Amino acid sequence: MPRWSGSPARYGARPEPRRSLINRFFRPRVEQDSTRINYQIRVPQVRLVSADSQALGIRPTREALQMAEAAGLDLVEVAPNADPPVCRIMDYGKFKYEKAKKTKEARKKQHVVHLKEVKFRPKTADHDYQYKVGHAREFLLRNDRVKATVVFKGREVTHMEFGEKLLGRLAVDLADISQIELGKRREGRNLISVFVPDRDRVRQYLRLQEQKKKEDALTQQAQPATPPPPTPPSAPAAPQRADA
């Protein structure tokens, strides 16, 4: 059969998909379960634990397998490095499901600490400063680190004292919930400072905020209700005019 040249699509053939080198040689690793169960356990004897967590002592592996099969369960090697290895009679499928569920719940509760950046200018207006301080407080209360950066442009770099003064003011405003991890430090043309949340101070701050909300609610309940405004009297009806 003669060899044809040119594009496969030109002759109606379907071209083969090209596999990149990344897909061919750098495939993602799939975590495999290395736990040995049932007939994968090759040692002559094991230290056996029953399904209700009772120690049954050292037993031959064949006998332990027979006990697991009689109970309709699996023989699972839970401590392979022990001498002899420790095996337990259990439902391995249920065990894996519960283990994966616990790992998923622990991952949900785990908090990843991020570094959030808040930028200022040497002559930031007071309104903008308070707005950015509010964002910094939100980040710290979420247990994130905050990097405060004072950006200098042009000849502003010759007046670093404005940035130092601003970062000092920021440190005072955030002192009730944070600590200074990195003091005033020059980074190129900028001046930076890093703040980290203080757990004890954050806990105390949240407790005070909760107490303040309760006091405000009690104050509103104690205040007498404002009576509605009196209804104005309706105007008398106009007399009907008799026809002439």
C-alpha atoms as a PDB file:
ATOM      1  CA  MET A   1       0.000   0.000   0.000  1.00  0.00           C
ATOM      2  CA  PRO A   2       1.599   3.305  -0.996  1.00  0.00           C
ATOM      3  CA  ARG A   3       2.431   5.746   1.680  1.00  0.00           C
ATOM      4  CA  TRP A   4       0.533   8.986   1.394  1.00  0.00           C
ATOM      5  CA  SER A   5       1.868  12.290   2.591  1.00  0.00           C
ATOM      6  CA  GLY A   6       0.233  15.378   3.805  1.00  0.00           C
ATOM      7  CA  SER A   7      -2.299  16.095   6.514  1.00  0.00           C
ATOM      8  CA  PRO A   8      -4.398  13.080   7.630  1.00  0.00           C
ATOM      9  CA  ALA A   9      -7.500  15.272   7.718  1.00  0.00           C
ATOM     10  CA  ARG A  10      -6.964  16.023   4.026  1.00  0.00           C
ATOM     11  CA  TYR A  11      -7.571  12.392   3.117  1.00  0.00           C
ATOM     12  CA  GLY A  12     -10.420  11.841   5.539  1.00  0.00           C
ATOM     13  CA  ALA A  13      -8.355   9.994   8.142  1.00  0.00           C
ATOM     14  CA  ARG A  14      -8.605  10.853  11.789  1.00  0.00           C
ATOM     15  CA  PRO A  15      -5.308  12.233  13.142  1.00  0.00           C
ATOM     16  CA  GLU A  16      -3.897  10.651  16.282  1.00  0.00           C
ATOM     17  CA  PRO A  17      -3.983  12.901  19.372  1.00  0.00           C
ATOM     18  CA  ARG A  18      -0.594  14.227  20.336  1.00  0.00           C
ATOM     19  CA  ARG A  19       0.476  13.411  23.851  1.00  0.00           C
ATOM     20  CA  SER A  20       2.717  16.001  25.388  1.00  0.00           C
ATOM     21  CA  LEU A  21       5.876  15.032  27.233  1.00  0.00           C
ATOM     22  CA  ILE A  22       4.313  16.272  30.464  1.00  0.00           C
ATOM     23  CA  ASN A  23       1.353  13.895  30.142  1.00  0.00           C
ATOM     24  CA  ARG A  24       3.608  11.044  29.016  1.00  0.00           C
ATOM     25  CA  PHE A  25       6.372  11.169  31.622  1.00  0.00           C
ATOM     26  CA  PHE A  26       5.114  13.356  34.488  1.00  0.00           C
ATOM     27  CA  ARG A  27       1.836  11.747  35.423  1.00  0.00           C
ATOM     28  CA  PRO A  28       0.377  12.694  38.808  1.00  0.00           C
ATOM     29  CA  ARG A  29       1.045  10.207  41.543  1.00  0.00           C
ATOM     30  CA  VAL A  30      -1.962   8.372  42.887  1.00  0.00           C
ATOM     31  CA  GLU A  31      -1.753   7.538  46.566  1.00  0.00           C
ATOM     32  CA  GLN A  32      -2.103   3.809  47.028  1.00  0.00           C
ATOM     33  CA  ASP A  33      -3.277   2.148  50.188  1.00  0.00           C
ATOM     34  CA  SER A  34      -0.326   0.203  51.615  1.00  0.00           C
ATOM     35  CA  THR A  35      -2.331  -1.493  54.381  1.00  0.00           C
ATOM     36  CA  ARG A  36      -2.137  -5.274  54.131  1.00  0.00           C
ATOM     37  CA  ILE A  37      -5.362  -7.195  54.700  1.00  0.00           C
ATOM     38  CA  ASN A  38      -6.382 -10.839  54.775  1.00  0.00           C
ATOM     39  CA  TYR A  39      -4.152 -13.054  52.567  1.00  0.00           C
ATOM     40  CA  GLN A  40      -1.747 -10.159  51.878  1.00  0.00           C
ATOM     41  CA  ILE A  41      -0.393 -10.737  55.404  1.00  0.00           C
ATOM     42  CA  ARG A  42       2.526 -13.156  54.904  1.00  0.00           C
ATOM     43  CA  VAL A  43       4.067 -13.356  58.397  1.00  0.00           C
ATOM     44  CA  PRO A  44       3.693 -16.679  60.254  1.00  0.00           C
ATOM     45  CA  GLN A  45       2.081 -15.224  63.384  1.00  0.00           C
ATOM     46  CA  VAL A  46       0.430 -11.984  64.499  1.00  0.00           C
ATOM     47  CA  ARG A  47      -0.672 -10.285  67.673  1.00  0.00           C
ATOM     48  CA  LEU A  48      -4.438 -10.398  67.310  1.00  0.00           C
ATOM     49  CA  VAL A  49      -7.053  -7.885  68.462  1.00  0.00           C
ATOM     50  CA  SER A  50     -10.729  -8.821  68.210  1.00  0.00           C
ATOM     51  CA  ALA A  51     -13.490  -6.704  66.689  1.00  0.00           C
ATOM     52  CA  ASP A  52     -14.535  -5.499  70.168  1.00  0.00           C
ATOM     53  CA  SER A  53     -10.952  -4.369  70.994  1.00  0.00           C
ATOM     54  CA  GLN A  54     -10.009  -7.371  73.139  1.00  0.00           C
ATOM     55  CA  ALA A  55      -6.406  -8.591  73.027  1.00  0.00           C
ATOM     56  CA  LEU A  56      -6.304 -12.245  71.989  1.00  0.00           C
ATOM     57  CA  GLY A  57      -2.524 -12.615  72.204  1.00  0.00           C
ATOM     58  CA  ILE A  58      -0.161 -14.057  69.601  1.00  0.00           C
ATOM     59  CA  ARG A  59      -1.907 -16.357  67.139  1.00  0.00           C
ATOM     60  CA  PRO A  60      -0.862 -18.076  63.899  1.00  0.00           C
ATOM     61  CA  THR A  61      -1.836 -16.051  60.864  1.00  0.00           C
ATOM     62  CA  ARG A  62      -3.863 -18.932  59.435  1.00  0.00           C
ATOM     63  CA  GLU A  63      -5.923 -19.165  62.627  1.00  0.00           C
ATOM     64  CA  ALA A  64      -6.461 -15.380  62.683  1.00  0.00           C
ATOM     65  CA  LEU A  65      -7.690 -15.505  59.080  1.00  0.00           C
ATOM     66  CA  GLN A  66     -10.125 -18.300  59.932  1.00  0.00           C
ATOM     67  CA  MET A  67     -11.488 -16.268  62.870  1.00  0.00           C
ATOM     68  CA  ALA A  68     -11.971 -13.211  60.652  1.00  0.00           C
ATOM     69  CA  GLU A  69     -13.744 -15.255  57.957  1.00  0.00           C
ATOM     70  CA  ALA A  70     -15.996 -16.882  60.554  1.00  0.00           C
ATOM     71  CA  ALA A  71     -17.047 -13.417  61.763  1.00  0.00           C
ATOM     72  CA  GLY A  72     -17.596 -12.197  58.209  1.00  0.00           C
ATOM     73  CA  LEU A  73     -14.937  -9.473  58.657  1.00  0.00           C
ATOM     74  CA  ASP A  74     -11.390  -8.714  57.495  1.00  0.00           C
ATOM     75  CA  LEU A  75      -8.011  -9.238  59.121  1.00  0.00           C
ATOM     76  CA  VAL A  76      -6.220  -5.865  58.924  1.00  0.00           C
ATOM     77  CA  GLU A  77      -2.566  -5.209  59.747  1.00  0.00           C
ATOM     78  CA  VAL A  78      -2.672  -2.055  61.902  1.00  0.00           C
ATOM     79  CA  ALA A  79       0.934  -2.025  63.219  1.00  0.00           C
ATOM     80  CA  PRO A  80       3.245  -3.614  60.619  1.00  0.00           C
ATOM     81  CA  ASN A  81       6.474  -2.519  62.371  1.00  0.00           C
ATOM     82  CA  ALA A  82       5.684  -4.329  65.624  1.00  0.00           C
ATOM     83  CA  ASP A  83       7.188  -7.737  66.400  1.00  0.00           C
ATOM     84  CA  PRO A  84       5.026  -9.639  65.656  1.00  0.00           C
ATOM     85  CA  PRO A  85       2.775  -7.309  63.622  1.00  0.00           C
ATOM     86  CA  VAL A  86      -0.500  -6.282  65.248  1.00  0.00           C
ATOM     87  CA  CYS A  87      -3.617  -7.263  63.322  1.00  0.00           C
ATOM     88  CA  ARG A  88      -7.225  -6.493  64.071  1.00  0.00           C
ATOM     89  CA  ILE A  89     -10.449  -8.096  62.990  1.00  0.00           C
ATOM     90  CA  MET A  90     -12.691  -5.387  61.495  1.00  0.00           C
ATOM     91  CA  ASP A  91     -14.823  -4.315  58.563  1.00  0.00           C
ATOM     92  CA  TYR A  92     -12.102  -2.759  56.413  1.00  0.00           C
ATOM     93  CA  GLY A  93     -14.480  -1.018  53.999  1.00  0.00           C
ATOM     94  CA  LYS A  94     -16.278   0.717  56.866  1.00  0.00           C
ATOM     95  CA  PHE A  95     -12.927   1.594  58.457  1.00  0.00           C
ATOM     96  CA  LYS A  96     -11.680   3.268  55.259  1.00  0.00           C
ATOM     97  CA  TYR A  97     -14.937   5.214  54.877  1.00  0.00           C
ATOM     98  CA  GLU A  98     -14.824   6.551  58.446  1.00  0.00           C
ATOM     99  CA  LYS A  99     -11.140   7.420  58.100  1.00  0.00           C
ATOM    100  CA  ALA A 100     -11.757   9.370  54.877  1.00  0.00           C
ATOM    101  CA  LYS A 101     -14.705  11.162  56.488  1.00  0.00           C
ATOM    102  CA  LYS A 102     -12.605  12.220  59.493  1.00  0.00           C
ATOM    103  CA  THR A 103      -9.811  13.437  57.211  1.00  0.00           C
ATOM    104  CA  LYS A 104     -12.300  15.497  55.189  1.00  0.00           C
ATOM    105  CA  GLU A 105     -13.790  17.077  58.312  1.00  0.00           C
ATOM    106  CA  ALA A 106     -10.317  17.877  59.666  1.00  0.00           C
ATOM    107  CA  ARG A 107      -9.410  19.518  56.351  1.00  0.00           C
ATOM    108  CA  LYS A 108     -12.542  21.685  56.541  1.00  0.00           C
ATOM    109  CA  LYS A 109     -11.650  22.878  60.038  1.00  0.00           C
ATOM    110  CA  GLN A 110      -8.062  23.579  59.067  1.00  0.00           C
ATOM    111  CA  HIS A 111      -7.369  27.251  58.435  1.00  0.00           C
ATOM    112  CA  VAL A 112      -4.679  28.263  55.972  1.00  0.00           C
ATOM    113  CA  VAL A 113      -2.951  31.461  57.040  1.00  0.00           C
ATOM    114  CA  HIS A 114      -2.650  33.978  54.210  1.00  0.00           C
ATOM    115  CA  LEU A 115      -0.602  37.144  53.963  1.00  0.00           C
ATOM    116  CA  LYS A 116      -2.878  40.059  53.099  1.00  0.00           C
ATOM    117  CA  GLU A 117      -1.416  43.357  51.947  1.00  0.00           C
ATOM    118  CA  VAL A 118      -2.812  46.798  52.706  1.00  0.00           C
ATOM    119  CA  LYS A 119      -1.215  49.691  50.833  1.00  0.00           C
ATOM    120  CA  PHE A 120      -0.938  53.291  51.992  1.00  0.00           C
ATOM    121  CA  ARG A 121       0.555  56.501  50.654  1.00  0.00           C
ATOM    122  CA  PRO A 122       2.650  58.866  52.785  1.00  0.00           C
ATOM    123  CA  LYS A 123      -0.174  61.422  52.755  1.00  0.00           C
ATOM    124  CA  THR A 124      -3.192  59.110  52.889  1.00  0.00           C
ATOM    125  CA  ALA A 125      -6.325  61.009  53.882  1.00  0.00           C
ATOM    126  CA  ASP A 126      -7.867  60.191  57.250  1.00  0.00           C
ATOM    127  CA  HIS A 127     -11.029  58.702  55.711  1.00  0.00           C
ATOM    128  CA  ASP A 128      -9.030  56.367  53.451  1.00  0.00           C
ATOM    129  CA  TYR A 129      -6.749  55.480  56.345  1.00  0.00           C
ATOM    130  CA  GLN A 130      -9.680  54.430  58.554  1.00  0.00           C
ATOM    131  CA  TYR A 131     -11.175  52.425  55.678  1.00  0.00           C
ATOM    132  CA  LYS A 132      -7.937  50.483  55.166  1.00  0.00           C
ATOM    133  CA  VAL A 133      -7.473  49.968  58.906  1.00  0.00           C
ATOM    134  CA  GLY A 134     -10.927  48.378  58.945  1.00  0.00           C
ATOM    135  CA  HIS A 135      -9.816  45.938  56.240  1.00  0.00           C
ATOM    136  CA  ALA A 136      -6.650  45.140  58.189  1.00  0.00           C
ATOM    137  CA  ARG A 137      -8.731  44.405  61.301  1.00  0.00           C
ATOM    138  CA  GLU A 138     -10.985  42.074  59.303  1.00  0.00           C
ATOM    139  CA  PHE A 139      -7.953  40.144  58.032  1.00  0.00           C
ATOM    140  CA  LEU A 140      -6.461  39.844  61.520  1.00  0.00           C
ATOM    141  CA  LEU A 141      -9.768  38.661  63.004  1.00  0.00           C
ATOM    142  CA  ARG A 142      -9.824  35.956  60.306  1.00  0.00           C
ATOM    143  CA  ASN A 143      -6.433  34.807  61.588  1.00  0.00           C
ATOM    144  CA  ASP A 144      -4.519  36.124  58.568  1.00  0.00           C
ATOM    145  CA  ARG A 145      -1.243  38.022  58.607  1.00  0.00           C
ATOM    146  CA  VAL A 146      -1.255  41.619  57.359  1.00  0.00           C
ATOM    147  CA  LYS A 147       1.511  43.355  55.462  1.00  0.00           C
ATOM    148  CA  ALA A 148       1.219  47.142  55.594  1.00  0.00           C
ATOM    149  CA  THR A 149       3.054  48.847  52.738  1.00  0.00           C
ATOM    150  CA  VAL A 150       3.667  52.572  52.402  1.00  0.00           C
ATOM    151  CA  VAL A 151       4.310  53.317  48.708  1.00  0.00           C
ATOM    152  CA  PHE A 152       6.604  56.235  47.863  1.00  0.00           C
ATOM    153  CA  LYS A 153       6.714  57.789  44.407  1.00  0.00           C
ATOM    154  CA  GLY A 154       9.228  60.213  42.957  1.00  0.00           C
ATOM    155  CA  ARG A 155      10.812  62.556  45.476  1.00  0.00           C
ATOM    156  CA  GLU A 156       8.557  61.287  48.245  1.00  0.00           C
ATOM    157  CA  VAL A 157      11.261  58.709  48.972  1.00  0.00           C
ATOM    158  CA  THR A 158      13.371  61.461  50.560  1.00  0.00           C
ATOM    159  CA  HIS A 159      10.769  61.844  53.313  1.00  0.00           C
ATOM    160  CA  MET A 160      10.624  58.388  54.863  1.00  0.00           C
ATOM    161  CA  GLU A 161       9.591  59.909  58.175  1.00  0.00           C
ATOM    162  CA  PHE A 162       6.000  60.259  56.872  1.00  0.00           C
ATOM    163  CA  GLY A 163       5.811  56.522  56.278  1.00  0.00           C
ATOM    164  CA  GLU A 164       7.363  55.735  59.660  1.00  0.00           C
ATOM    165  CA  LYS A 165       4.837  57.979  61.354  1.00  0.00           C
ATOM    166  CA  LEU A 166       1.942  56.308  59.497  1.00  0.00           C
ATOM    167  CA  LEU A 167       3.132  52.783  60.370  1.00  0.00           C
ATOM    168  CA  GLY A 168       3.536  53.836  64.000  1.00  0.00           C
ATOM    169  CA  ARG A 169      -0.048  55.095  64.030  1.00  0.00           C
ATOM    170  CA  LEU A 170      -1.204  51.834  62.435  1.00  0.00           C
ATOM    171  CA  ALA A 171       0.609  49.776  65.085  1.00  0.00           C
ATOM    172  CA  VAL A 172      -1.251  51.689  67.818  1.00  0.00           C
ATOM    173  CA  ASP A 173      -4.634  51.227  66.099  1.00  0.00           C
ATOM    174  CA  LEU A 174      -4.100  47.463  65.704  1.00  0.00           C
ATOM    175  CA  ALA A 175      -2.455  46.872  69.086  1.00  0.00           C
ATOM    176  CA  ASP A 176      -5.644  45.470  70.656  1.00  0.00           C
ATOM    177  CA  ILE A 177      -5.749  42.422  68.337  1.00  0.00           C
ATOM    178  CA  SER A 178      -2.264  42.008  66.868  1.00  0.00           C
ATOM    179  CA  GLN A 179       1.459  41.814  67.372  1.00  0.00           C
ATOM    180  CA  ILE A 180       4.257  43.245  65.239  1.00  0.00           C
ATOM    181  CA  GLU A 181       6.045  40.391  63.476  1.00  0.00           C
ATOM    182  CA  LEU A 182       8.268  42.647  61.376  1.00  0.00           C
ATOM    183  CA  GLY A 183       8.925  46.238  62.344  1.00  0.00           C
ATOM    184  CA  LYS A 184       9.384  49.197  60.042  1.00  0.00           C
ATOM    185  CA  ARG A 185      11.611  47.992  57.242  1.00  0.00           C
ATOM    186  CA  ARG A 186      12.573  49.435  53.892  1.00  0.00           C
ATOM    187  CA  GLU A 187      11.828  47.294  50.859  1.00  0.00           C
ATOM    188  CA  GLY A 188      13.052  49.040  47.729  1.00  0.00           C
ATOM    189  CA  ARG A 189      11.218  52.365  47.522  1.00  0.00           C
ATOM    190  CA  ASN A 190       8.572  51.209  49.981  1.00  0.00           C
ATOM    191  CA  LEU A 191       8.324  50.942  53.743  1.00  0.00           C
ATOM    192  CA  ILE A 192       6.696  47.816  55.157  1.00  0.00           C
ATOM    193  CA  SER A 193       5.580  46.325  58.433  1.00  0.00           C
ATOM    194  CA  VAL A 194       3.977  42.918  59.109  1.00  0.00           C
ATOM    195  CA  PHE A 195       1.327  42.256  61.760  1.00  0.00           C
ATOM    196  CA  VAL A 196       0.138  38.883  63.058  1.00  0.00           C
ATOM    197  CA  PRO A 197      -3.022  38.210  65.092  1.00  0.00           C
ATOM    198  CA  ASP A 198      -2.605  37.725  68.844  1.00  0.00           C
ATOM    199  CA  ARG A 199      -4.944  34.913  69.874  1.00  0.00           C
ATOM    200  CA  ASP A 200      -5.433  36.092  73.446  1.00  0.00           C
ATOM    201  CA  ARG A 201      -6.115  39.673  72.393  1.00  0.00           C
ATOM    202  CA  VAL A 202      -8.439  38.584  69.588  1.00  0.00           C
ATOM    203  CA  ARG A 203     -10.368  36.353  72.004  1.00  0.00           C
ATOM    204  CA  GLN A 204     -10.690  39.203  74.497  1.00  0.00           C
ATOM    205  CA  TYR A 205     -11.738  41.637  71.743  1.00  0.00           C
ATOM    206  CA  LEU A 206     -14.467  39.272  70.499  1.00  0.00           C
ATOM    207  CA  ARG A 207     -15.668  38.728  74.060  1.00  0.00           C
ATOM    208  CA  LEU A 208     -15.964  42.491  74.618  1.00  0.00           C
ATOM    209  CA  GLN A 209     -17.812  42.919  71.316  1.00  0.00           C
ATOM    210  CA  GLU A 210     -20.281  40.184  72.273  1.00  0.00           C
ATOM    211  CA  GLN A 211     -20.810  41.756  75.689  1.00  0.00           C
ATOM    212  CA  LYS A 212     -21.389  45.146  74.098  1.00  0.00           C
ATOM    213  CA  LYS A 213     -24.032  43.690  71.764  1.00  0.00           C
ATOM    214  CA  LYS A 214     -25.882  42.160  74.706  1.00  0.00           C
ATOM    215  CA  GLU A 215     -25.801  45.456  76.613  1.00  0.00           C
ATOM    216  CA  ASP A 216     -27.126  47.340  73.592  1.00  0.00           C
ATOM    217  CA  ALA A 217     -29.953  44.818  73.205  1.00  0.00           C
ATOM    218  CA  LEU A 218     -30.901  45.158  76.889  1.00  0.00           C
ATOM    219  CA  THR A 219     -30.823  48.956  76.604  1.00  0.00           C
ATOM    220  CA  GLN A 220     -33.184  48.864  73.635  1.00  0.00           C
ATOM    221  CA  GLN A 221     -35.576  46.556  75.498  1.00  0.00           C
ATOM    222  CA  ALA A 222     -35.571  48.822  78.578  1.00  0.00           C
ATOM    223  CA  GLN A 223     -36.469  51.927  76.588  1.00  0.00           C
ATOM    224  CA  PRO A 224     -40.263  52.564  76.478  1.00  0.00           C
ATOM    225  CA  ALA A 225     -41.819  52.161  73.114  1.00  0.00           C
ATOM    226  CA  THR A 226     -42.483  55.457  71.357  1.00  0.00           C
ATOM    227  CA  PRO A 227     -46.277  55.951  71.062  1.00  0.00           C
ATOM    228  CA  PRO A 228     -47.539  56.445  67.548  1.00  0.00           C
ATOM    229  CA  PRO A 229     -48.379  60.047  66.560  1.00  0.00           C
ATOM    230  CA  PRO A 230     -52.033  61.009  67.147  1.00  0.00           C
ATOM    231  CA  THR A 231     -54.299  60.711  64.187  1.00  0.00           C
ATOM    232  CA  PRO A 232     -55.462  64.154  63.005  1.00  0.00           C
ATOM    233  CA  PRO A 233     -59.280  64.655  63.196  1.00  0.00           C
ATOM    234  CA  SER A 234     -61.029  64.211  59.938  1.00  0.00           C
ATOM    235  CA  ALA A 235     -62.416  67.352  58.308  1.00  0.00           C
ATOM    236  CA  PRO A 236     -66.235  67.795  58.518  1.00  0.00           C
ATOM    237  CA  ALA A 237     -68.110  67.023  55.346  1.00  0.00           C
ATOM    238  CA  ALA A 238     -69.031  70.024  53.259  1.00  0.00           C
ATOM    239  CA  PRO A 239     -72.802  70.824  53.233  1.00  0.00           C
ATOM    240  CA  GLN A 240     -74.554  69.867  50.064  1.00  0.00           C
ATOM    241  CA  ARG A 241     -75.751  72.769  47.963  1.00  0.00           C
ATOM    242  CA  ALA A 242     -79.456  72.763  47.206  1.00  0.00           C
ATOM    243  CA  ASP A 243     -80.388  73.097  43.554  1.00  0.00           C
ATOM    244  CA  ALA A 244     -82.002  76.386  42.644  1.00  0.00           C
END
